[in-house]
Amino acid sequence: MGATTVQTTDLAKLFEEARNGDRDAAWQLGDLYREAAQGVKFSPKQAFRWYAESALAGSPTGQNNVGAAYENGLGCKQSFQLARKWYELAANQGLNVAMANLAFLYLHGYGTKADKAEALKWFKRGAAAGCKKSKKMIEAVLGDERRP
């Protein structure tokens, strides 16, 4: 889920922008509810609501965050299948962290049949897009295949 760097003085503006359909403001507001930051009370349901607003508006960060919410049951019923759907939407828009998240689901068989080749494909895409976690995971997956 995305990092939030919102100043308290900007909170009212952020709420207004999110309510007016700003997809980036919406996921940032979702982060505030998830992190209980900037004076916003912790609310998984509100976090999910704002992530969903962002995701439905086409934000890859919002889509990744909805995927993470489904993966972890944050403000919604846990569903690895729905997590995979949302991660895939974000990954197909080029969000490297979503590529890594999708690869982990394939690697471990969450919401799909375990598929190391598919996981490796997404880790490689994530690494090419600058995801450090993906670069490390490529080595780990390939290392596992080389062991007897």
Protein backbone atom coordinates (compact mmCIF):
# COMPACT_ATOMS: atom_id res chain seq x y z
CA MET A 1 0.00 0.00 0.00
CA GLY A 2 1.22 3.47 -0.79
CA ALA A 3 3.09 5.76 1.55
CA THR A 4 1.30 8.90 2.63
CA THR A 5 2.99 12.26 3.07
CA VAL A 6 0.05 14.53 3.88
CA GLN A 7 0.37 17.50 6.20
CA THR A 8 -2.44 18.04 8.72
CA THR A 9 -3.22 21.41 7.14
CA ASP A 10 -3.87 19.63 3.86
CA LEU A 11 -6.34 17.14 5.34
CA ALA A 12 -9.48 19.15 4.55
CA LYS A 13 -8.24 19.70 1.01
CA LEU A 14 -7.48 15.99 0.62
CA PHE A 15 -11.01 15.05 1.74
CA GLU A 16 -12.48 17.57 -0.70
CA GLU A 17 -10.35 16.30 -3.59
CA ALA A 18 -11.17 12.66 -2.82
CA ARG A 19 -14.89 13.43 -2.62
CA ASN A 20 -14.63 15.21 -5.97
CA GLY A 21 -13.17 12.17 -7.70
CA ASP A 22 -9.41 12.74 -7.48
CA ARG A 23 -8.18 9.15 -7.70
CA ASP A 24 -4.81 9.88 -6.06
CA ALA A 25 -6.38 11.81 -3.20
CA ALA A 26 -8.73 8.86 -2.67
CA TRP A 27 -5.97 6.27 -2.14
CA GLN A 28 -4.04 8.73 0.03
CA LEU A 29 -7.14 9.14 2.18
CA GLY A 30 -7.44 5.35 2.32
CA ASP A 31 -3.87 5.21 3.62
CA LEU A 32 -4.72 7.71 6.35
CA TYR A 33 -7.61 5.54 7.53
CA ARG A 34 -5.42 2.41 7.41
CA GLU A 35 -2.51 4.05 9.23
CA ALA A 36 -4.59 6.16 11.67
CA ALA A 37 -2.47 9.13 10.61
CA GLN A 38 -2.90 12.90 10.48
CA GLY A 39 -5.73 12.80 13.02
CA VAL A 40 -7.79 10.32 11.00
CA LYS A 41 -9.23 7.51 13.10
CA PHE A 42 -8.29 3.94 12.14
CA SER A 43 -11.06 2.47 10.01
CA PRO A 44 -10.42 -0.54 7.76
CA LYS A 45 -13.84 -0.09 6.12
CA GLN A 46 -13.15 3.54 5.28
CA ALA A 47 -9.66 2.63 4.02
CA PHE A 48 -11.20 0.03 1.72
CA ARG A 49 -13.89 2.46 0.59
CA TRP A 50 -11.36 5.08 -0.49
CA TYR A 51 -9.04 2.52 -2.06
CA ALA A 52 -12.01 1.22 -4.06
CA GLU A 53 -12.95 4.75 -5.19
CA SER A 54 -9.39 5.22 -6.42
CA ALA A 55 -9.24 1.79 -8.05
CA LEU A 56 -12.54 2.21 -9.86
CA ALA A 57 -11.29 5.56 -11.19
CA GLY A 58 -8.38 3.67 -12.76
CA SER A 59 -5.53 4.45 -10.37
CA PRO A 60 -2.94 1.67 -10.41
CA THR A 61 -1.99 2.52 -6.82
CA GLY A 62 -5.64 2.32 -5.81
CA GLN A 63 -6.01 -0.99 -7.63
CA ASN A 64 -2.92 -2.38 -5.89
CA ASN A 65 -4.25 -1.20 -2.54
CA VAL A 66 -7.62 -2.87 -3.16
CA GLY A 67 -5.68 -6.02 -4.02
CA ALA A 68 -3.75 -5.76 -0.76
CA ALA A 69 -6.97 -5.14 1.15
CA TYR A 70 -8.52 -8.29 -0.32
CA GLU A 71 -5.33 -10.27 0.29
CA ASN A 72 -5.30 -9.26 3.96
CA GLY A 73 -9.03 -8.90 4.64
CA LEU A 74 -8.69 -5.18 5.40
CA GLY A 75 -12.18 -3.69 5.50
CA CYS A 76 -13.52 -6.52 3.36
CA LYS A 77 -13.77 -10.28 3.34
CA GLN A 78 -10.43 -11.86 2.45
CA SER A 79 -10.34 -13.11 -1.13
CA PHE A 80 -7.13 -14.12 -2.87
CA GLN A 81 -9.02 -14.38 -6.16
CA LEU A 82 -10.11 -10.74 -5.94
CA ALA A 83 -6.64 -9.73 -4.76
CA ARG A 84 -5.20 -11.33 -7.90
CA LYS A 85 -7.72 -9.51 -10.12
CA TRP A 86 -6.85 -6.09 -8.70
CA TYR A 87 -3.09 -6.71 -8.61
CA GLU A 88 -3.26 -7.77 -12.23
CA LEU A 89 -5.07 -4.57 -13.23
CA ALA A 90 -2.42 -2.46 -11.51
CA ALA A 91 0.46 -4.59 -12.81
CA ASN A 92 -0.82 -4.24 -16.36
CA GLN A 93 -0.63 -0.47 -15.90
CA GLY A 94 3.05 -0.81 -15.01
CA LEU A 95 2.98 -0.53 -11.21
CA ASN A 96 6.05 -2.50 -10.14
CA VAL A 97 4.89 -3.26 -6.58
CA ALA A 98 1.67 -4.74 -8.02
CA MET A 99 3.81 -6.95 -10.26
CA ALA A 100 5.63 -8.25 -7.18
CA ASN A 101 2.37 -8.74 -5.27
CA LEU A 102 0.87 -10.66 -8.18
CA ALA A 103 4.02 -12.77 -8.49
CA PHE A 104 3.80 -13.73 -4.80
CA LEU A 105 0.24 -14.97 -5.31
CA TYR A 106 1.37 -17.12 -8.23
CA LEU A 107 4.43 -18.34 -6.36
CA HIS A 108 2.42 -19.52 -3.36
CA GLY A 109 -0.80 -20.50 -5.16
CA TYR A 110 -3.03 -17.96 -3.45
CA GLY A 111 -6.16 -17.30 -5.49
CA THR A 112 -4.75 -19.34 -8.33
CA LYS A 113 -2.84 -22.52 -9.01
CA ALA A 114 0.79 -22.22 -7.89
CA ASP A 115 2.83 -21.41 -10.97
CA LYS A 116 6.55 -20.67 -10.56
CA ALA A 117 6.95 -19.77 -14.23
CA GLU A 118 4.17 -17.18 -14.02
CA ALA A 119 5.57 -15.87 -10.73
CA LEU A 120 9.01 -15.55 -12.27
CA LYS A 121 7.55 -13.71 -15.27
CA TRP A 122 5.94 -11.12 -12.98
CA PHE A 123 9.00 -10.83 -10.74
CA LYS A 124 11.10 -10.17 -13.86
CA ARG A 125 8.66 -7.49 -15.05
CA GLY A 126 8.68 -5.94 -11.58
CA ALA A 127 12.48 -5.97 -11.47
CA ALA A 128 12.68 -4.39 -14.92
CA ALA A 129 10.32 -1.68 -13.65
CA GLY A 130 12.61 -0.99 -10.67
CA CYS A 131 11.16 -3.14 -7.87
CA LYS A 132 14.01 -4.17 -5.54
CA LYS A 133 11.89 -6.86 -3.86
CA SER A 134 11.28 -8.45 -7.27
CA LYS A 135 15.00 -8.52 -8.03
CA LYS A 136 15.67 -10.41 -4.79
CA MET A 137 12.80 -12.80 -5.42
CA ILE A 138 14.10 -13.75 -8.87
CA GLU A 139 17.31 -14.96 -7.25
CA ALA A 140 15.37 -16.82 -4.54
CA VAL A 141 13.03 -18.54 -7.02
CA LEU A 142 15.86 -19.51 -9.35
CA GLY A 143 17.93 -20.66 -6.38
CA ASP A 144 15.07 -22.93 -5.26
CA GLU A 145 14.93 -24.49 -8.72
CA ARG A 146 18.66 -25.22 -8.71
CA ARG A 147 18.62 -27.06 -5.36
CA PRO A 148 18.24 -30.85 -5.45
